[in-house]
Amino acid sequence: MTVYINEQPEILSSDYKTLYDVLNQLGIKDSAVSVSLNDLMVPRDQWKLRELSEFDRIDFV
């Protein structure tokens, strides 16, 4: 699956199902950053629930 992280295309394996999976792999800590998914801010308590789809856009703010 291809997603865009800070406007850069990244190909993810099927192991990455949620926003949390990607952030965890990148070493992003809960308190260190705000995250938007497809231009909408995602509260930290939703990171584990937000499933990713092809061509999603993830941005760190």
Protein backbone atom coordinates (compact mmCIF):
# COMPACT_ATOMS: atom_id res chain seq x y z
CA MET A 1 0.00 0.00 0.00
CA THR A 2 1.27 3.47 -0.82
CA VAL A 3 0.70 6.36 1.59
CA TYR A 4 2.19 9.83 1.70
CA ILE A 5 4.10 10.84 4.82
CA ASN A 6 4.84 14.56 4.89
CA GLU A 7 4.21 14.62 1.14
CA GLN A 8 6.70 11.80 0.42
CA PRO A 9 5.38 8.53 -1.00
CA GLU A 10 6.05 5.49 1.17
CA ILE A 11 5.23 1.89 0.34
CA LEU A 12 4.02 0.03 3.41
CA SER A 13 3.74 -3.70 3.93
CA SER A 14 0.44 -5.23 4.92
CA ASP A 15 1.70 -5.23 8.54
CA TYR A 16 0.82 -1.54 8.76
CA LYS A 17 -2.91 -1.38 9.29
CA THR A 18 -3.40 1.68 11.52
CA LEU A 19 -2.00 5.15 11.90
CA TYR A 20 -0.47 4.02 15.19
CA ASP A 21 1.43 1.20 13.44
CA VAL A 22 3.15 3.69 11.14
CA LEU A 23 3.89 6.22 13.89
CA ASN A 24 5.28 3.49 16.14
CA GLN A 25 7.58 2.21 13.39
CA LEU A 26 8.83 5.77 12.80
CA GLY A 27 9.53 6.20 16.52
CA ILE A 28 6.96 8.98 16.91
CA LYS A 29 5.97 9.32 20.56
CA ASP A 30 2.41 10.19 21.58
CA SER A 31 3.35 13.47 23.24
CA ALA A 32 5.84 14.63 20.62
CA VAL A 33 3.61 15.49 17.68
CA SER A 34 0.17 16.24 16.31
CA VAL A 35 -0.90 14.18 13.32
CA SER A 36 -3.28 14.84 10.47
CA LEU A 37 -4.68 12.16 8.20
CA ASN A 38 -6.00 13.42 4.88
CA ASP A 39 -5.98 17.00 6.21
CA LEU A 40 -7.97 16.17 9.35
CA MET A 41 -6.36 16.23 12.79
CA VAL A 42 -6.47 12.87 14.55
CA PRO A 43 -6.65 12.87 18.36
CA ARG A 44 -4.02 10.67 20.01
CA ASP A 45 -6.65 8.38 21.47
CA GLN A 46 -7.78 7.59 17.90
CA TRP A 47 -4.37 6.65 16.45
CA LYS A 48 -4.81 2.93 17.16
CA LEU A 49 -8.32 2.97 15.68
CA ARG A 50 -7.65 4.81 12.42
CA GLU A 51 -7.10 2.27 9.68
CA LEU A 52 -5.07 3.33 6.68
CA SER A 53 -6.11 3.16 3.05
CA GLU A 54 -4.24 3.37 -0.23
CA PHE A 55 -2.94 6.90 -0.92
CA ASP A 56 -3.74 8.29 2.53
CA ARG A 57 -1.83 11.43 3.47
CA ILE A 58 -0.18 11.54 6.90
CA ASP A 59 1.34 14.82 8.07
CA PHE A 60 3.13 15.68 11.30
CA VAL A 61 2.39 19.11 12.72
